[in-house]
């Protein structure tokens, strides 16, 4: 849930590579031994957990020299 370009690129890559196989696992036609409902609720739970643990008012990044000036380091 960061707004950095590299984090978004990695998330999109992982989402694409993992999501395509997960999508076919969620479909009920994937096979008799595939728990499609487990995949579906696992995906929903992951999204809800990401939203729940995102800090809305995250502090701004501070440089090391600025942190020393403010007594943070």
N, C-alpha and C. Protein backbone atom coordinates (compact mmCIF):
# COMPACT_ATOMS: atom_id res chain seq x y z
N UNK A 1 0.82 -1.19 0.00
CA UNK A 1 0.00 0.00 0.00
C UNK A 1 0.87 1.26 0.00
N UNK A 2 2.09 1.15 -0.48
CA UNK A 2 2.95 2.31 -0.61
C UNK A 2 2.70 2.98 -1.95
N UNK A 3 3.07 4.22 -2.04
CA UNK A 3 2.88 4.95 -3.29
C UNK A 3 4.21 5.17 -3.99
N UNK A 4 5.07 4.18 -3.95
CA UNK A 4 6.35 4.24 -4.62
C UNK A 4 6.25 3.43 -5.91
N UNK A 5 6.92 3.92 -6.96
CA UNK A 5 6.84 3.29 -8.27
C UNK A 5 7.34 1.85 -8.24
N UNK A 6 8.45 1.59 -7.57
CA UNK A 6 9.00 0.25 -7.53
C UNK A 6 8.06 -0.72 -6.79
N UNK A 7 7.44 -0.24 -5.73
CA UNK A 7 6.50 -1.09 -4.98
C UNK A 7 5.28 -1.43 -5.84
N UNK A 8 4.80 -0.44 -6.58
CA UNK A 8 3.63 -0.69 -7.45
C UNK A 8 3.99 -1.64 -8.59
N UNK A 9 5.19 -1.50 -9.14
CA UNK A 9 5.61 -2.38 -10.23
C UNK A 9 5.73 -3.82 -9.75
N UNK A 10 6.32 -4.02 -8.58
CA UNK A 10 6.46 -5.37 -8.03
C UNK A 10 5.09 -5.95 -7.72
N UNK A 11 4.20 -5.15 -7.15
CA UNK A 11 2.85 -5.63 -6.83
C UNK A 11 2.10 -6.03 -8.09
N UNK A 12 2.23 -5.25 -9.15
CA UNK A 12 1.56 -5.60 -10.40
C UNK A 12 2.13 -6.87 -11.01
N UNK A 13 3.45 -7.04 -10.96
CA UNK A 13 4.07 -8.24 -11.49
C UNK A 13 3.64 -9.48 -10.71
N UNK A 14 3.71 -9.40 -9.39
CA UNK A 14 3.30 -10.53 -8.56
C UNK A 14 1.81 -10.81 -8.75
N UNK A 15 1.01 -9.77 -8.79
CA UNK A 15 -0.43 -9.94 -9.00
C UNK A 15 -0.75 -10.60 -10.33
N UNK A 16 0.00 -10.23 -11.37
CA UNK A 16 -0.23 -10.84 -12.67
C UNK A 16 0.20 -12.30 -12.69
N UNK A 17 1.42 -12.57 -12.22
CA UNK A 17 1.94 -13.94 -12.27
C UNK A 17 1.16 -14.88 -11.35
N UNK A 18 0.86 -14.42 -10.15
CA UNK A 18 0.14 -15.27 -9.20
C UNK A 18 -1.36 -15.27 -9.49
N UNK A 19 -1.85 -14.12 -9.90
CA UNK A 19 -3.29 -13.96 -10.10
C UNK A 19 -3.85 -14.77 -11.25
N UNK A 20 -3.06 -14.95 -12.31
CA UNK A 20 -3.58 -15.71 -13.44
C UNK A 20 -3.84 -17.16 -13.05
N UNK A 21 -2.92 -17.75 -12.28
CA UNK A 21 -3.15 -19.13 -11.85
C UNK A 21 -4.23 -19.19 -10.77
N UNK A 22 -4.27 -18.18 -9.92
CA UNK A 22 -5.29 -18.14 -8.88
C UNK A 22 -6.68 -18.00 -9.49
N UNK A 23 -6.78 -17.22 -10.57
CA UNK A 23 -8.06 -17.03 -11.23
C UNK A 23 -8.64 -18.36 -11.69
N UNK A 24 -7.80 -19.18 -12.30
CA UNK A 24 -8.30 -20.47 -12.77
C UNK A 24 -8.57 -21.43 -11.61
N UNK A 25 -7.91 -21.23 -10.47
CA UNK A 25 -8.20 -22.05 -9.30
C UNK A 25 -9.49 -21.67 -8.62
N UNK A 26 -9.94 -20.42 -8.81
CA UNK A 26 -11.18 -19.95 -8.20
C UNK A 26 -12.39 -20.46 -8.96
N UNK A 27 -12.22 -20.69 -10.24
CA UNK A 27 -13.35 -21.16 -11.03
C UNK A 27 -13.77 -22.56 -10.61
N UNK A 28 -15.06 -22.79 -10.47
CA UNK A 28 -15.53 -24.12 -10.05
C UNK A 28 -15.18 -25.22 -11.05
N UNK A 29 -14.86 -24.86 -12.29
CA UNK A 29 -14.56 -25.87 -13.30
C UNK A 29 -13.09 -26.29 -13.29
N UNK A 30 -12.31 -25.84 -12.31
CA UNK A 30 -10.88 -26.13 -12.28
C UNK A 30 -10.60 -27.61 -12.01
N UNK A 31 -11.50 -28.31 -11.42
CA UNK A 31 -11.30 -29.73 -11.16
C UNK A 31 -11.98 -30.13 -9.87
N UNK A 32 -12.20 -31.42 -9.68
CA UNK A 32 -12.92 -31.88 -8.49
C UNK A 32 -12.11 -31.76 -7.21
N UNK A 33 -10.80 -31.72 -7.29
CA UNK A 33 -9.97 -31.68 -6.09
C UNK A 33 -9.42 -30.28 -5.77
N UNK A 34 -9.94 -29.25 -6.45
CA UNK A 34 -9.48 -27.88 -6.22
C UNK A 34 -10.51 -27.15 -5.39
N UNK A 35 -10.08 -26.60 -4.26
CA UNK A 35 -10.98 -25.87 -3.37
C UNK A 35 -11.10 -24.42 -3.86
N UNK A 36 -12.03 -24.19 -4.77
CA UNK A 36 -12.17 -22.85 -5.35
C UNK A 36 -12.69 -21.85 -4.33
N UNK A 37 -13.53 -22.29 -3.40
CA UNK A 37 -14.05 -21.35 -2.40
C UNK A 37 -12.95 -20.95 -1.42
N UNK A 38 -12.01 -21.83 -1.13
CA UNK A 38 -10.88 -21.48 -0.29
C UNK A 38 -10.00 -20.42 -0.93
N UNK A 39 -9.77 -20.55 -2.24
CA UNK A 39 -9.00 -19.54 -2.96
C UNK A 39 -9.74 -18.19 -2.97
N UNK A 40 -11.03 -18.24 -3.18
CA UNK A 40 -11.82 -17.01 -3.26
C UNK A 40 -11.79 -16.26 -1.93
N UNK A 41 -12.06 -16.95 -0.83
CA UNK A 41 -12.08 -16.28 0.46
C UNK A 41 -10.67 -15.94 0.96
N UNK A 42 -9.67 -16.67 0.53
CA UNK A 42 -8.29 -16.31 0.84
C UNK A 42 -7.90 -15.01 0.17
N UNK A 43 -8.32 -14.83 -1.08
CA UNK A 43 -8.04 -13.58 -1.80
C UNK A 43 -8.78 -12.42 -1.16
N UNK A 44 -10.03 -12.63 -0.82
CA UNK A 44 -10.80 -11.57 -0.16
C UNK A 44 -10.21 -11.22 1.20
N UNK A 45 -9.79 -12.23 1.94
CA UNK A 45 -9.17 -11.98 3.24
C UNK A 45 -7.86 -11.22 3.11
N UNK A 46 -7.07 -11.52 2.08
CA UNK A 46 -5.82 -10.80 1.86
C UNK A 46 -6.04 -9.33 1.55
N UNK A 47 -7.05 -9.06 0.73
CA UNK A 47 -7.37 -7.66 0.40
C UNK A 47 -7.86 -6.93 1.65
N UNK A 48 -8.72 -7.55 2.41
CA UNK A 48 -9.22 -6.92 3.64
C UNK A 48 -8.10 -6.70 4.66
N UNK A 49 -7.18 -7.64 4.78
CA UNK A 49 -6.06 -7.48 5.71
C UNK A 49 -5.16 -6.33 5.27
N UNK A 50 -4.91 -6.22 3.96
CA UNK A 50 -4.08 -5.12 3.46
C UNK A 50 -4.73 -3.77 3.75
N UNK A 51 -6.02 -3.69 3.58
CA UNK A 51 -6.72 -2.44 3.87
C UNK A 51 -6.77 -2.14 5.37
N UNK A 52 -6.92 -3.17 6.18
CA UNK A 52 -7.02 -2.98 7.62
C UNK A 52 -5.70 -2.55 8.24
N UNK A 53 -4.58 -3.03 7.69
CA UNK A 53 -3.28 -2.73 8.28
C UNK A 53 -2.56 -1.57 7.61
N UNK A 54 -3.24 -0.87 6.73
CA UNK A 54 -2.65 0.31 6.11
C UNK A 54 -2.79 1.49 7.05
N UNK A 55 -1.69 2.17 7.28
CA UNK A 55 -1.74 3.34 8.16
C UNK A 55 -2.20 4.54 7.34
N UNK A 56 -3.28 5.14 7.76
CA UNK A 56 -3.85 6.27 7.02
C UNK A 56 -3.00 7.52 7.15
N UNK A 57 -2.48 7.78 8.34
CA UNK A 57 -1.70 8.99 8.59
C UNK A 57 -0.24 8.63 8.85
N UNK A 58 0.36 7.96 7.89
CA UNK A 58 1.75 7.57 8.04
C UNK A 58 2.64 8.81 8.05
N UNK A 59 3.64 8.82 8.92
CA UNK A 59 4.52 10.00 8.98
C UNK A 59 5.32 10.13 7.69
N UNK A 60 5.66 11.36 7.36
CA UNK A 60 6.46 11.62 6.18
C UNK A 60 7.88 11.08 6.40
N UNK A 61 8.53 10.71 5.32
CA UNK A 61 9.90 10.22 5.44
C UNK A 61 10.81 11.37 5.82
N UNK A 62 11.74 11.09 6.71
CA UNK A 62 12.67 12.10 7.21
C UNK A 62 14.08 11.63 6.89
N UNK A 63 14.92 12.53 6.39
CA UNK A 63 16.30 12.17 6.10
C UNK A 63 17.06 11.96 7.41
N UNK A 64 18.20 11.27 7.32
CA UNK A 64 18.97 10.96 8.51
C UNK A 64 19.47 12.23 9.19
N UNK A 65 19.94 13.20 8.41
CA UNK A 65 20.43 14.44 9.03
C UNK A 65 19.28 15.21 9.68
N UNK A 66 18.12 15.17 9.07
CA UNK A 66 16.96 15.84 9.65
C UNK A 66 16.51 15.14 10.93
N UNK A 67 16.60 13.81 10.95
CA UNK A 67 16.22 13.04 12.13
C UNK A 67 17.15 13.34 13.29
N UNK A 68 18.44 13.51 13.00
CA UNK A 68 19.40 13.84 14.07
C UNK A 68 19.11 15.23 14.62
N UNK A 69 18.72 16.16 13.74
CA UNK A 69 18.39 17.49 14.19
C UNK A 69 17.16 17.49 15.08
N UNK A 70 16.25 16.58 14.83
CA UNK A 70 15.00 16.53 15.59
C UNK A 70 15.09 15.57 16.77
N UNK A 71 16.23 14.93 16.97
CA UNK A 71 16.43 13.96 18.04
C UNK A 71 15.63 12.67 17.83
N UNK A 72 15.43 12.26 16.58
CA UNK A 72 14.74 11.01 16.29
C UNK A 72 15.72 9.85 16.22
N UNK A 73 16.96 10.13 15.92
CA UNK A 73 17.94 9.06 15.73
C UNK A 73 18.77 8.84 16.98
